[in-house]
Amino acid sequence: ERMARTLAGSSVMADALVAAAGRTQA
């Protein structure tokens, strides 16, 4: 269950930065 949360957490953070690319320029 911890590893499942690890994968979900990594994906969620990545998605947030993909969505914010316009303002972060990253």
mmCIF file of all heavy atoms, coordinates in Angstrom:
data_MODEL
# 
_entry.id   MODEL 
# 
loop_
_atom_site.group_PDB 
_atom_site.id 
_atom_site.type_symbol 
_atom_site.label_atom_id 
_atom_site.label_alt_id 
_atom_site.label_comp_id 
_atom_site.label_asym_id 
_atom_site.label_entity_id 
_atom_site.label_seq_id 
_atom_site.pdbx_PDB_ins_code 
_atom_site.Cartn_x 
_atom_site.Cartn_y 
_atom_site.Cartn_z 
_atom_site.occupancy 
_atom_site.B_iso_or_equiv 
_atom_site.pdbx_formal_charge 
_atom_site.auth_seq_id 
_atom_site.auth_comp_id 
_atom_site.auth_asym_id 
_atom_site.auth_atom_id 
_atom_site.pdbx_PDB_model_num 
ATOM 1   N N   . GLU A 1 1  ? 0.840  -1.203 0.000   1.00 0.00 ? 1  GLU A N   1 
ATOM 2   C CA  . GLU A 1 1  ? 0.000  0.000  0.000   1.00 0.00 ? 1  GLU A CA  1 
ATOM 3   C C   . GLU A 1 1  ? 0.873  1.250  0.000   1.00 0.00 ? 1  GLU A C   1 
ATOM 4   O O   . GLU A 1 1  ? 0.565  2.243  -0.670  1.00 0.00 ? 1  GLU A O   1 
ATOM 5   C CB  . GLU A 1 1  ? -0.916 -0.035 1.228   1.00 0.00 ? 1  GLU A CB  1 
ATOM 6   C CG  . GLU A 1 1  ? -1.960 1.075  1.271   1.00 0.00 ? 1  GLU A CG  1 
ATOM 7   C CD  . GLU A 1 1  ? -1.444 2.350  1.919   1.00 0.00 ? 1  GLU A CD  1 
ATOM 8   O OE1 . GLU A 1 1  ? -0.506 2.258  2.752   1.00 0.00 ? 1  GLU A OE1 1 
ATOM 9   O OE2 . GLU A 1 1  ? -1.953 3.441  1.581   1.00 0.00 ? 1  GLU A OE2 1 
ATOM 10  N N   . ARG A 1 2  ? 1.986  1.212  0.746   1.00 0.00 ? 2  ARG A N   1 
ATOM 11  C CA  . ARG A 1 2  ? 2.894  2.356  0.772   1.00 0.00 ? 2  ARG A CA  1 
ATOM 12  C C   . ARG A 1 2  ? 3.499  2.599  -0.604  1.00 0.00 ? 2  ARG A C   1 
ATOM 13  O O   . ARG A 1 2  ? 3.620  3.746  -1.059  1.00 0.00 ? 2  ARG A O   1 
ATOM 14  C CB  . ARG A 1 2  ? 4.006  2.133  1.784   1.00 0.00 ? 2  ARG A CB  1 
ATOM 15  C CG  . ARG A 1 2  ? 4.899  3.370  1.983   1.00 0.00 ? 2  ARG A CG  1 
ATOM 16  C CD  . ARG A 1 2  ? 6.309  3.022  2.444   1.00 0.00 ? 2  ARG A CD  1 
ATOM 17  N NE  . ARG A 1 2  ? 6.346  2.125  3.564   1.00 0.00 ? 2  ARG A NE  1 
ATOM 18  C CZ  . ARG A 1 2  ? 7.456  1.557  4.006   1.00 0.00 ? 2  ARG A CZ  1 
ATOM 19  N NH1 . ARG A 1 2  ? 8.613  1.801  3.392   1.00 0.00 ? 2  ARG A NH1 1 
ATOM 20  N NH2 . ARG A 1 2  ? 7.441  0.728  5.026   1.00 0.00 ? 2  ARG A NH2 1 
ATOM 21  N N   . MET A 1 3  ? 3.891  1.526  -1.298  1.00 0.00 ? 3  MET A N   1 
ATOM 22  C CA  . MET A 1 3  ? 4.451  1.683  -2.630  1.00 0.00 ? 3  MET A CA  1 
ATOM 23  C C   . MET A 1 3  ? 3.404  2.218  -3.611  1.00 0.00 ? 3  MET A C   1 
ATOM 24  O O   . MET A 1 3  ? 3.715  3.005  -4.515  1.00 0.00 ? 3  MET A O   1 
ATOM 25  C CB  . MET A 1 3  ? 5.017  0.354  -3.125  1.00 0.00 ? 3  MET A CB  1 
ATOM 26  C CG  . MET A 1 3  ? 6.291  -0.095 -2.453  1.00 0.00 ? 3  MET A CG  1 
ATOM 27  S SD  . MET A 1 3  ? 7.727  0.996  -2.753  1.00 0.00 ? 3  MET A SD  1 
ATOM 28  C CE  . MET A 1 3  ? 7.671  2.003  -1.252  1.00 0.00 ? 3  MET A CE  1 
ATOM 29  N N   . ALA A 1 4  ? 2.154  1.810  -3.429  1.00 0.00 ? 4  ALA A N   1 
ATOM 30  C CA  . ALA A 1 4  ? 1.087  2.341  -4.282  1.00 0.00 ? 4  ALA A CA  1 
ATOM 31  C C   . ALA A 1 4  ? 0.927  3.843  -4.049  1.00 0.00 ? 4  ALA A C   1 
ATOM 32  O O   . ALA A 1 4  ? 0.731  4.619  -5.004  1.00 0.00 ? 4  ALA A O   1 
ATOM 33  C CB  . ALA A 1 4  ? -0.220 1.602  -4.001  1.00 0.00 ? 4  ALA A CB  1 
ATOM 34  N N   . ARG A 1 5  ? 1.010  4.275  -2.786  1.00 0.00 ? 5  ARG A N   1 
ATOM 35  C CA  . ARG A 1 5  ? 0.945  5.705  -2.498  1.00 0.00 ? 5  ARG A CA  1 
ATOM 36  C C   . ARG A 1 5  ? 2.165  6.433  -3.049  1.00 0.00 ? 5  ARG A C   1 
ATOM 37  O O   . ARG A 1 5  ? 2.070  7.593  -3.474  1.00 0.00 ? 5  ARG A O   1 
ATOM 38  C CB  . ARG A 1 5  ? 0.835  5.937  -0.993  1.00 0.00 ? 5  ARG A CB  1 
ATOM 39  C CG  . ARG A 1 5  ? -0.574 5.755  -0.437  1.00 0.00 ? 5  ARG A CG  1 
ATOM 40  C CD  . ARG A 1 5  ? -0.710 6.208  1.004   1.00 0.00 ? 5  ARG A CD  1 
ATOM 41  N NE  . ARG A 1 5  ? -0.015 5.314  1.919   1.00 0.00 ? 5  ARG A NE  1 
ATOM 42  C CZ  . ARG A 1 5  ? 1.111  5.597  2.542   1.00 0.00 ? 5  ARG A CZ  1 
ATOM 43  N NH1 . ARG A 1 5  ? 1.709  6.777  2.332   1.00 0.00 ? 5  ARG A NH1 1 
ATOM 44  N NH2 . ARG A 1 5  ? 1.674  4.739  3.373   1.00 0.00 ? 5  ARG A NH2 1 
ATOM 45  N N   . THR A 1 6  ? 3.317  5.769  -3.037  1.00 0.00 ? 6  THR A N   1 
ATOM 46  C CA  . THR A 1 6  ? 4.526  6.359  -3.594  1.00 0.00 ? 6  THR A CA  1 
ATOM 47  C C   . THR A 1 6  ? 4.354  6.637  -5.084  1.00 0.00 ? 6  THR A C   1 
ATOM 48  O O   . THR A 1 6  ? 4.659  7.734  -5.569  1.00 0.00 ? 6  THR A O   1 
ATOM 49  C CB  . THR A 1 6  ? 5.729  5.427  -3.368  1.00 0.00 ? 6  THR A CB  1 
ATOM 50  O OG1 . THR A 1 6  ? 5.909  5.216  -1.968  1.00 0.00 ? 6  THR A OG1 1 
ATOM 51  C CG2 . THR A 1 6  ? 6.987  6.010  -3.962  1.00 0.00 ? 6  THR A CG2 1 
ATOM 52  N N   . LEU A 1 7  ? 3.873  5.633  -5.816  1.00 0.00 ? 7  LEU A N   1 
ATOM 53  C CA  . LEU A 1 7  ? 3.649  5.821  -7.250  1.00 0.00 ? 7  LEU A CA  1 
ATOM 54  C C   . LEU A 1 7  ? 2.609  6.897  -7.520  1.00 0.00 ? 7  LEU A C   1 
ATOM 55  O O   . LEU A 1 7  ? 2.786  7.749  -8.396  1.00 0.00 ? 7  LEU A O   1 
ATOM 56  C CB  . LEU A 1 7  ? 3.214  4.501  -7.876  1.00 0.00 ? 7  LEU A CB  1 
ATOM 57  C CG  . LEU A 1 7  ? 4.279  3.416  -8.018  1.00 0.00 ? 7  LEU A CG  1 
ATOM 58  C CD1 . LEU A 1 7  ? 3.674  2.154  -8.613  1.00 0.00 ? 7  LEU A CD1 1 
ATOM 59  C CD2 . LEU A 1 7  ? 5.435  3.897  -8.893  1.00 0.00 ? 7  LEU A CD2 1 
ATOM 60  N N   . ALA A 1 8  ? 1.512  6.850  -6.757  1.00 0.00 ? 8  ALA A N   1 
ATOM 61  C CA  . ALA A 1 8  ? 0.465  7.848  -6.943  1.00 0.00 ? 8  ALA A CA  1 
ATOM 62  C C   . ALA A 1 8  ? 0.994  9.245  -6.641  1.00 0.00 ? 8  ALA A C   1 
ATOM 63  O O   . ALA A 1 8  ? 0.705  10.212 -7.362  1.00 0.00 ? 8  ALA A O   1 
ATOM 64  C CB  . ALA A 1 8  ? -0.729 7.526  -6.053  1.00 0.00 ? 8  ALA A CB  1 
ATOM 65  N N   . GLY A 1 9  ? 1.787  9.355  -5.571  1.00 0.00 ? 9  GLY A N   1 
ATOM 66  C CA  . GLY A 1 9  ? 2.326  10.662 -5.208  1.00 0.00 ? 9  GLY A CA  1 
ATOM 67  C C   . GLY A 1 9  ? 3.249  11.224 -6.263  1.00 0.00 ? 9  GLY A C   1 
ATOM 68  O O   . GLY A 1 9  ? 3.192  12.416 -6.597  1.00 0.00 ? 9  GLY A O   1 
ATOM 69  N N   . SER A 1 10 ? 4.115  10.381 -6.814  1.00 0.00 ? 10 SER A N   1 
ATOM 70  C CA  . SER A 1 10 ? 5.016  10.826 -7.861  1.00 0.00 ? 10 SER A CA  1 
ATOM 71  C C   . SER A 1 10 ? 4.233  11.302 -9.077  1.00 0.00 ? 10 SER A C   1 
ATOM 72  O O   . SER A 1 10 ? 4.522  12.363 -9.652  1.00 0.00 ? 10 SER A O   1 
ATOM 73  C CB  . SER A 1 10 ? 5.952  9.673  -8.238  1.00 0.00 ? 10 SER A CB  1 
ATOM 74  O OG  . SER A 1 10 ? 6.841  10.046 -9.263  1.00 0.00 ? 10 SER A OG  1 
ATOM 75  N N   . SER A 1 11 ? 3.231  10.533 -9.469  1.00 0.00 ? 11 SER A N   1 
ATOM 76  C CA  . SER A 1 11 ? 2.436  10.887 -10.644 1.00 0.00 ? 11 SER A CA  1 
ATOM 77  C C   . SER A 1 11 ? 1.643  12.171 -10.423 1.00 0.00 ? 11 SER A C   1 
ATOM 78  O O   . SER A 1 11 ? 1.578  13.036 -11.313 1.00 0.00 ? 11 SER A O   1 
ATOM 79  C CB  . SER A 1 11 ? 1.485  9.726  -10.977 1.00 0.00 ? 11 SER A CB  1 
ATOM 80  O OG  . SER A 1 11 ? 0.718  10.011 -12.124 1.00 0.00 ? 11 SER A OG  1 
ATOM 81  N N   . VAL A 1 12 ? 1.064  12.318 -9.240  1.00 0.00 ? 12 VAL A N   1 
ATOM 82  C CA  . VAL A 1 12 ? 0.270  13.511 -8.935  1.00 0.00 ? 12 VAL A CA  1 
ATOM 83  C C   . VAL A 1 12 ? 1.142  14.770 -8.962  1.00 0.00 ? 12 VAL A C   1 
ATOM 84  O O   . VAL A 1 12 ? 0.747  15.815 -9.514  1.00 0.00 ? 12 VAL A O   1 
ATOM 85  C CB  . VAL A 1 12 ? -0.430 13.349 -7.564  1.00 0.00 ? 12 VAL A CB  1 
ATOM 86  C CG1 . VAL A 1 12 ? -0.949 14.688 -7.057  1.00 0.00 ? 12 VAL A CG1 1 
ATOM 87  C CG2 . VAL A 1 12 ? -1.574 12.351 -7.664  1.00 0.00 ? 12 VAL A CG2 1 
ATOM 88  N N   . MET A 1 13 ? 2.328  14.693 -8.369  1.00 0.00 ? 13 MET A N   1 
ATOM 89  C CA  . MET A 1 13 ? 3.219  15.860 -8.386  1.00 0.00 ? 13 MET A CA  1 
ATOM 90  C C   . MET A 1 13 ? 3.658  16.196 -9.807  1.00 0.00 ? 13 MET A C   1 
ATOM 91  O O   . MET A 1 13 ? 3.697  17.374 -10.197 1.00 0.00 ? 13 MET A O   1 
ATOM 92  C CB  . MET A 1 13 ? 4.432  15.598 -7.502  1.00 0.00 ? 13 MET A CB  1 
ATOM 93  C CG  . MET A 1 13 ? 4.156  15.592 -6.016  1.00 0.00 ? 13 MET A CG  1 
ATOM 94  S SD  . MET A 1 13 ? 5.679  15.569 -5.018  1.00 0.00 ? 13 MET A SD  1 
ATOM 95  C CE  . MET A 1 13 ? 6.355  13.947 -5.419  1.00 0.00 ? 13 MET A CE  1 
ATOM 96  N N   . ALA A 1 14 ? 3.992  15.152 -10.585 1.00 0.00 ? 14 ALA A N   1 
ATOM 97  C CA  . ALA A 1 14 ? 4.403  15.394 -11.968 1.00 0.00 ? 14 ALA A CA  1 
ATOM 98  C C   . ALA A 1 14 ? 3.276  16.049 -12.755 1.00 0.00 ? 14 ALA A C   1 
ATOM 99  O O   . ALA A 1 14 ? 3.506  17.014 -13.512 1.00 0.00 ? 14 ALA A O   1 
ATOM 100 C CB  . ALA A 1 14 ? 4.828  14.091 -12.626 1.00 0.00 ? 14 ALA A CB  1 
ATOM 101 N N   . ASP A 1 15 ? 2.057  15.550 -12.578 1.00 0.00 ? 15 ASP A N   1 
ATOM 102 C CA  . ASP A 1 15 ? 0.914  16.126 -13.295 1.00 0.00 ? 15 ASP A CA  1 
ATOM 103 C C   . ASP A 1 15 ? 0.706  17.592 -12.916 1.00 0.00 ? 15 ASP A C   1 
ATOM 104 O O   . ASP A 1 15 ? 0.368  18.426 -13.771 1.00 0.00 ? 15 ASP A O   1 
ATOM 105 C CB  . ASP A 1 15 ? -0.353 15.329 -12.987 1.00 0.00 ? 15 ASP A CB  1 
ATOM 106 C CG  . ASP A 1 15 ? -0.362 13.958 -13.644 1.00 0.00 ? 15 ASP A CG  1 
ATOM 107 O OD1 . ASP A 1 15 ? 0.476  13.713 -14.530 1.00 0.00 ? 15 ASP A OD1 1 
ATOM 108 O OD2 . ASP A 1 15 ? -1.210 13.130 -13.263 1.00 0.00 ? 15 ASP A OD2 1 
ATOM 109 N N   . ALA A 1 16 ? 0.906  17.907 -11.639 1.00 0.00 ? 16 ALA A N   1 
ATOM 110 C CA  . ALA A 1 16 ? 0.731  19.294 -11.195 1.00 0.00 ? 16 ALA A CA  1 
ATOM 111 C C   . ALA A 1 16 ? 1.740  20.212 -11.873 1.00 0.00 ? 16 ALA A C   1 
ATOM 112 O O   . ALA A 1 16 ? 1.408  21.342 -12.273 1.00 0.00 ? 16 ALA A O   1 
ATOM 113 C CB  . ALA A 1 16 ? 0.864  19.382 -9.679  1.00 0.00 ? 16 ALA A CB  1 
ATOM 114 N N   . LEU A 1 17 ? 2.982  19.744 -12.036 1.00 0.00 ? 17 LEU A N   1 
ATOM 115 C CA  . LEU A 1 17 ? 3.994  20.577 -12.678 1.00 0.00 ? 17 LEU A CA  1 
ATOM 116 C C   . LEU A 1 17 ? 3.802  20.650 -14.194 1.00 0.00 ? 17 LEU A C   1 
ATOM 117 O O   . LEU A 1 17 ? 4.129  21.658 -14.813 1.00 0.00 ? 17 LEU A O   1 
ATOM 118 C CB  . LEU A 1 17 ? 5.386  20.063 -12.340 1.00 0.00 ? 17 LEU A CB  1 
ATOM 119 C CG  . LEU A 1 17 ? 5.813  20.288 -10.881 1.00 0.00 ? 17 LEU A CG  1 
ATOM 120 C CD1 . LEU A 1 17 ? 7.236  19.810 -10.664 1.00 0.00 ? 17 LEU A CD1 1 
ATOM 121 C CD2 . LEU A 1 17 ? 5.690  21.754 -10.485 1.00 0.00 ? 17 LEU A CD2 1 
ATOM 122 N N   . VAL A 1 18 ? 3.261  19.589 -14.784 1.00 0.00 ? 18 VAL A N   1 
ATOM 123 C CA  . VAL A 1 18 ? 2.908  19.651 -16.202 1.00 0.00 ? 18 VAL A CA  1 
ATOM 124 C C   . VAL A 1 18 ? 1.847  20.729 -16.420 1.00 0.00 ? 18 VAL A C   1 
ATOM 125 O O   . VAL A 1 18 ? 1.942  21.556 -17.341 1.00 0.00 ? 18 VAL A O   1 
ATOM 126 C CB  . VAL A 1 18 ? 2.412  18.284 -16.701 1.00 0.00 ? 18 VAL A CB  1 
ATOM 127 C CG1 . VAL A 1 18 ? 1.779  18.414 -18.091 1.00 0.00 ? 18 VAL A CG1 1 
ATOM 128 C CG2 . VAL A 1 18 ? 3.556  17.271 -16.749 1.00 0.00 ? 18 VAL A CG2 1 
ATOM 129 N N   . ALA A 1 19 ? 0.830  20.733 -15.554 1.00 0.00 ? 19 ALA A N   1 
ATOM 130 C CA  . ALA A 1 19 ? -0.252 21.708 -15.678 1.00 0.00 ? 19 ALA A CA  1 
ATOM 131 C C   . ALA A 1 19 ? 0.234  23.134 -15.438 1.00 0.00 ? 19 ALA A C   1 
ATOM 132 O O   . ALA A 1 19 ? -0.342 24.088 -15.971 1.00 0.00 ? 19 ALA A O   1 
ATOM 133 C CB  . ALA A 1 19 ? -1.369 21.359 -14.696 1.00 0.00 ? 19 ALA A CB  1 
ATOM 134 N N   . ALA A 1 20 ? 1.289  23.286 -14.619 1.00 0.00 ? 20 ALA A N   1 
ATOM 135 C CA  . ALA A 1 20 ? 1.772  24.623 -14.255 1.00 0.00 ? 20 ALA A CA  1 
ATOM 136 C C   . ALA A 1 20 ? 2.904  25.105 -15.141 1.00 0.00 ? 20 ALA A C   1 
ATOM 137 O O   . ALA A 1 20 ? 3.494  26.163 -14.871 1.00 0.00 ? 20 ALA A O   1 
ATOM 138 C CB  . ALA A 1 20 ? 2.221  24.610 -12.798 1.00 0.00 ? 20 ALA A CB  1 
ATOM 139 N N   . ALA A 1 21 ? 3.228  24.381 -16.222 1.00 0.00 ? 21 ALA A N   1 
ATOM 140 C CA  . ALA A 1 21 ? 4.400  24.709 -17.029 1.00 0.00 ? 21 ALA A CA  1 
ATOM 141 C C   . ALA A 1 21 ? 4.340  26.130 -17.585 1.00 0.00 ? 21 ALA A C   1 
ATOM 142 O O   . ALA A 1 21 ? 5.375  26.790 -17.740 1.00 0.00 ? 21 ALA A O   1 
ATOM 143 C CB  . ALA A 1 21 ? 4.555  23.701 -18.170 1.00 0.00 ? 21 ALA A CB  1 
ATOM 144 N N   . GLY A 1 22 ? 3.147  26.628 -17.855 1.00 0.00 ? 22 GLY A N   1 
ATOM 145 C CA  . GLY A 1 22 ? 3.021  27.970 -18.420 1.00 0.00 ? 22 GLY A CA  1 
ATOM 146 C C   . GLY A 1 22 ? 3.516  29.048 -17.478 1.00 0.00 ? 22 GLY A C   1 
ATOM 147 O O   . GLY A 1 22 ? 4.089  30.044 -17.924 1.00 0.00 ? 22 GLY A O   1 
ATOM 148 N N   . ARG A 1 23 ? 3.334  28.854 -16.183 1.00 0.00 ? 23 ARG A N   1 
ATOM 149 C CA  . ARG A 1 23 ? 3.755  29.889 -15.240 1.00 0.00 ? 23 ARG A CA  1 
ATOM 150 C C   . ARG A 1 23 ? 5.132  29.623 -14.632 1.00 0.00 ? 23 ARG A C   1 
ATOM 151 O O   . ARG A 1 23 ? 5.789  30.547 -14.172 1.00 0.00 ? 23 ARG A O   1 
ATOM 152 C CB  . ARG A 1 23 ? 2.715  30.083 -14.138 1.00 0.00 ? 23 ARG A CB  1 
ATOM 153 C CG  . ARG A 1 23 ? 2.369  28.869 -13.299 1.00 0.00 ? 23 ARG A CG  1 
ATOM 154 C CD  . ARG A 1 23 ? 1.152  29.172 -12.416 1.00 0.00 ? 23 ARG A CD  1 
ATOM 155 N NE  . ARG A 1 23 ? 0.710  28.048 -11.629 1.00 0.00 ? 23 ARG A NE  1 
ATOM 156 C CZ  . ARG A 1 23 ? 1.052  27.835 -10.349 1.00 0.00 ? 23 ARG A CZ  1 
ATOM 157 N NH1 . ARG A 1 23 ? 1.854  28.708 -9.743  1.00 0.00 ? 23 ARG A NH1 1 
ATOM 158 N NH2 . ARG A 1 23 ? 0.596  26.795 -9.687  1.00 0.00 ? 23 ARG A NH2 1 
ATOM 159 N N   . THR A 1 24 ? 5.577  28.376 -14.626 1.00 0.00 ? 24 THR A N   1 
ATOM 160 C CA  . THR A 1 24 ? 6.899  28.070 -14.063 1.00 0.00 ? 24 THR A CA  1 
ATOM 161 C C   . THR A 1 24 ? 7.996  28.085 -15.113 1.00 0.00 ? 24 THR A C   1 
ATOM 162 O O   . THR A 1 24 ? 9.167  28.213 -14.779 1.00 0.00 ? 24 THR A O   1 
ATOM 163 C CB  . THR A 1 24 ? 6.905  26.679 -13.409 1.00 0.00 ? 24 THR A CB  1 
ATOM 164 O OG1 . THR A 1 24 ? 6.689  25.677 -14.411 1.00 0.00 ? 24 THR A OG1 1 
ATOM 165 C CG2 . THR A 1 24 ? 5.825  26.573 -12.330 1.00 0.00 ? 24 THR A CG2 1 
ATOM 166 N N   . GLN A 1 25 ? 7.605  27.930 -16.393 1.00 0.00 ? 25 GLN A N   1 
ATOM 167 C CA  . GLN A 1 25 ? 8.574  27.811 -17.493 1.00 0.00 ? 25 GLN A CA  1 
ATOM 168 C C   . GLN A 1 25 ? 9.520  26.638 -17.266 1.00 0.00 ? 25 GLN A C   1 
ATOM 169 O O   . GLN A 1 25 ? 10.685 26.672 -17.646 1.00 0.00 ? 25 GLN A O   1 
ATOM 170 C CB  . GLN A 1 25 ? 9.368  29.108 -17.654 1.00 0.00 ? 25 GLN A CB  1 
ATOM 171 C CG  . GLN A 1 25 ? 8.509  30.327 -17.970 1.00 0.00 ? 25 GLN A CG  1 
ATOM 172 C CD  . GLN A 1 25 ? 7.712  30.137 -19.261 1.00 0.00 ? 25 GLN A CD  1 
ATOM 173 O OE1 . GLN A 1 25 ? 8.283  29.910 -20.318 1.00 0.00 ? 25 GLN A OE1 1 
ATOM 174 N NE2 . GLN A 1 25 ? 6.398  30.250 -19.176 1.00 0.00 ? 25 GLN A NE2 1 
ATOM 175 N N   . ALA A 1 26 ? 8.998  25.592 -16.655 1.00 0.00 ? 26 ALA A N   1 
ATOM 176 C CA  . ALA A 1 26 ? 9.750  24.355 -16.434 1.00 0.00 ? 26 ALA A CA  1 
ATOM 177 C C   . ALA A 1 26 ? 8.922  23.199 -16.953 1.00 0.00 ? 26 ALA A C   1 
ATOM 178 O O   . ALA A 1 26 ? 7.684  23.209 -16.837 1.00 0.00 ? 26 ALA A O   1 
ATOM 179 C CB  . ALA A 1 26 ? 10.060 24.164 -14.952 1.00 0.00 ? 26 ALA A CB  1 
# 
